[in-house]
Amino acid sequence: MPHRLKALIRDIPDFPKPGVLFKDITPLLADPAGLALAVELMADHLRNTGIDLVVGAESRGFIFGTAIAQLLNCGFIPVRKPGKLPAATKSLTYDLEYGTDTLEIHADAIAEHHRVLMVDDLIATGGTMKACCDLVSGLGGEIVGISVLIELTFLNGRQRVLPYKVDAVLKY
């Protein structure tokens, strides 16, 4: 089945900068069966694991995170860029391969001992996911795993988010 999904992902060379081969998931998102299959494969093994919340990073983490939260019958918490959340926030600035970025989460979004699944469309170097994990654990959440559609294995992102387990549907 992953071959069906790979056929719906197109490569865009030199985006967002020269030398990068971008994995564009918009054709997959436009295909109803492909989108449903991607969400199912990202979530199915997590049914009945007692997850309280799914956390997804802006913006493609919202797409998969809310769908997975609905399948797992739990809530969804967004992690956003600065200035987008209306209530008190916790923020974290982190390094990217080409600069820095900052993410925020509502300070009251996660209670002590909430079991949390982290979701995004892709893990590359692991910087964004590590920042999200640090925000969640800083609020007292218990991270039970990370689910992504795509893992770029040559960038070793899963090493950066240890000790958390990364489940990826597609690996490049």
Protein backbone atom coordinates (compact mmCIF):
# COMPACT_ATOMS: atom_id res chain seq x y z
CA MET A 1 0.00 0.00 0.00
CA PRO A 2 2.80 2.52 0.62
CA HIS A 3 3.61 2.31 -3.13
CA ARG A 4 0.12 3.74 -3.78
CA LEU A 5 0.99 6.72 -1.57
CA LYS A 6 4.46 7.21 -3.06
CA ALA A 7 2.84 7.52 -6.48
CA LEU A 8 0.86 10.51 -5.14
CA ILE A 9 3.91 12.43 -3.91
CA ARG A 10 5.80 14.53 -6.40
CA ASP A 11 9.38 15.73 -6.24
CA ILE A 12 10.02 19.45 -6.64
CA PRO A 13 13.73 20.14 -7.23
CA ASP A 14 15.41 23.20 -5.73
CA PHE A 15 12.57 24.10 -3.36
CA PRO A 16 12.68 25.97 -1.00
CA LYS A 17 16.33 26.52 -1.95
CA PRO A 18 18.82 25.15 -4.49
CA GLY A 19 19.91 21.57 -3.82
CA VAL A 20 16.77 20.56 -1.89
CA LEU A 21 14.43 17.95 -3.38
CA PHE A 22 11.04 18.80 -1.84
CA LYS A 23 8.49 16.02 -1.31
CA ASP A 24 5.19 17.65 -2.31
CA ILE A 25 2.20 15.96 -0.67
CA THR A 26 -0.48 18.20 -2.21
CA PRO A 27 -1.41 15.59 -4.88
CA LEU A 28 -1.87 13.04 -2.07
CA LEU A 29 -4.04 15.49 -0.12
CA ALA A 30 -6.20 16.06 -3.22
CA ASP A 31 -6.81 12.34 -3.68
CA PRO A 32 -9.62 11.20 -1.31
CA ALA A 33 -8.52 7.56 -1.22
CA GLY A 34 -4.85 8.50 -0.86
CA LEU A 35 -5.56 10.89 2.00
CA ALA A 36 -7.74 8.33 3.77
CA LEU A 37 -5.10 5.63 3.35
CA ALA A 38 -2.32 7.90 4.65
CA VAL A 39 -4.29 8.81 7.78
CA GLU A 40 -5.27 5.19 8.38
CA LEU A 41 -1.68 3.96 8.06
CA MET A 42 -0.45 6.71 10.38
CA ALA A 43 -3.07 5.94 13.04
CA ASP A 44 -4.18 2.33 12.87
CA HIS A 45 -1.47 0.80 15.07
CA LEU A 46 -2.27 3.41 17.74
CA ARG A 47 -5.90 2.45 18.34
CA ASN A 48 -6.64 1.46 21.94
CA THR A 49 -3.30 2.77 23.24
CA GLY A 50 -4.82 5.32 25.60
CA ILE A 51 -3.71 8.46 23.79
CA ASP A 52 -5.32 11.57 25.27
CA LEU A 53 -4.12 14.18 22.77
CA VAL A 54 -2.55 14.50 19.36
CA VAL A 55 -0.15 17.41 18.87
CA GLY A 56 0.56 18.70 15.37
CA ALA A 57 2.89 21.43 14.17
CA GLU A 58 1.87 24.18 11.79
CA SER A 59 0.82 23.65 9.16
CA ARG A 60 0.79 20.20 7.61
CA GLY A 61 0.82 18.62 11.05
CA PHE A 62 -2.66 20.11 11.45
CA ILE A 63 -3.94 18.22 8.41
CA PHE A 64 -2.84 14.79 9.59
CA GLY A 65 -3.07 15.49 13.32
CA THR A 66 -6.74 16.44 13.39
CA ALA A 67 -7.70 13.47 11.21
CA ILE A 68 -5.72 11.08 13.44
CA ALA A 69 -7.20 12.62 16.60
CA GLN A 70 -10.67 12.02 15.21
CA LEU A 71 -9.84 8.38 14.39
CA LEU A 72 -8.36 7.83 17.86
CA ASN A 73 -11.23 9.64 19.59
CA CYS A 74 -9.00 12.14 21.34
CA GLY A 75 -8.29 15.87 21.27
CA PHE A 76 -5.95 17.86 19.05
CA ILE A 77 -3.49 20.55 20.14
CA PRO A 78 -1.84 22.88 17.61
CA VAL A 79 1.75 24.07 17.82
CA ARG A 80 2.01 27.35 15.94
CA LYS A 81 4.35 30.06 14.82
CA PRO A 82 4.62 33.06 17.20
CA GLY A 83 1.66 35.38 17.62
CA LYS A 84 -1.00 32.98 16.27
CA LEU A 85 -2.39 31.59 19.56
CA PRO A 86 -4.73 33.86 21.54
CA ALA A 87 -4.08 32.75 25.14
CA ALA A 88 -0.90 32.53 27.24
CA THR A 89 1.78 30.46 25.49
CA LYS A 90 5.05 28.67 26.04
CA SER A 91 7.56 29.17 23.26
CA LEU A 92 10.78 27.58 22.10
CA THR A 93 13.34 28.83 19.60
CA TYR A 94 15.34 26.12 17.85
CA ASP A 95 17.93 25.69 15.12
CA LEU A 96 17.08 24.68 11.59
CA GLU A 97 19.49 23.57 8.92
CA TYR A 98 19.23 27.07 7.43
CA GLY A 99 18.52 29.36 10.44
CA THR A 100 16.28 29.42 13.49
CA ASP A 101 12.55 29.25 14.11
CA THR A 102 10.19 29.61 17.05
CA LEU A 103 7.12 27.58 17.95
CA GLU A 104 4.41 28.18 20.54
CA ILE A 105 1.81 26.11 22.36
CA HIS A 106 -0.92 27.24 24.73
CA ALA A 107 0.48 27.06 28.26
CA ASP A 108 -2.65 25.24 29.49
CA ALA A 109 -3.02 22.87 26.50
CA ILE A 110 -1.51 19.81 28.16
CA ALA A 111 -1.96 18.64 31.71
CA GLU A 112 0.51 16.62 33.75
CA HIS A 113 0.54 12.97 32.57
CA HIS A 114 -1.53 13.48 29.42
CA ARG A 115 -0.52 10.75 26.95
CA VAL A 116 0.42 12.56 23.74
CA LEU A 117 1.03 11.46 20.16
CA MET A 118 3.17 13.82 18.09
CA VAL A 119 2.18 14.09 14.39
CA ASP A 120 3.62 15.79 11.34
CA ASP A 121 3.73 15.16 7.61
CA LEU A 122 7.50 14.71 7.52
CA ILE A 123 10.58 14.29 9.67
CA ALA A 124 13.80 15.48 8.07
CA THR A 125 16.53 16.71 10.42
CA GLY A 126 14.17 16.38 13.39
CA GLY A 127 14.53 20.00 14.54
CA THR A 128 10.86 20.94 14.40
CA MET A 129 9.72 17.67 15.95
CA LYS A 130 12.29 17.93 18.75
CA ALA A 131 11.09 21.45 19.52
CA CYS A 132 7.48 20.22 19.63
CA CYS A 133 8.45 17.33 21.91
CA ASP A 134 10.35 19.70 24.20
CA LEU A 135 7.31 21.98 24.44
CA VAL A 136 4.98 19.08 25.26
CA SER A 137 7.28 17.45 27.81
CA GLY A 138 7.90 20.86 29.36
CA LEU A 139 4.18 21.08 30.08
CA GLY A 140 4.20 17.63 31.70
CA GLY A 141 2.88 15.59 28.79
CA GLU A 142 3.98 12.00 28.31
CA ILE A 143 4.98 11.51 24.68
CA VAL A 144 3.97 8.01 23.59
CA GLY A 145 5.30 8.26 20.07
CA ILE A 146 5.75 10.20 16.86
CA SER A 147 3.79 9.44 13.70
CA VAL A 148 4.79 10.92 10.33
CA LEU A 149 3.82 10.25 6.77
CA ILE A 150 7.37 10.68 5.40
CA GLU A 151 10.82 10.18 6.86
CA LEU A 152 13.90 11.42 5.00
CA THR A 153 16.19 8.76 6.45
CA PHE A 154 19.43 10.23 5.09
CA LEU A 155 18.97 13.26 7.39
CA ASN A 156 18.83 11.10 10.57
CA GLY A 157 15.97 13.05 12.14
CA ARG A 158 14.88 10.14 14.33
CA GLN A 159 18.23 10.33 16.14
CA ARG A 160 17.46 13.91 17.17
CA VAL A 161 14.16 12.95 18.81
CA LEU A 162 15.44 10.01 20.83
CA PRO A 163 14.24 8.38 23.04
CA TYR A 164 10.87 8.74 21.32
CA LYS A 165 9.81 6.12 18.76
CA VAL A 166 9.19 7.39 15.23
CA ASP A 167 6.69 5.57 13.01
CA ALA A 168 6.92 6.61 9.35
CA VAL A 169 4.62 5.32 6.62
CA LEU A 170 7.04 6.21 3.81
CA LYS A 171 10.83 6.36 3.90
CA TYR A 172 13.10 8.02 1.38
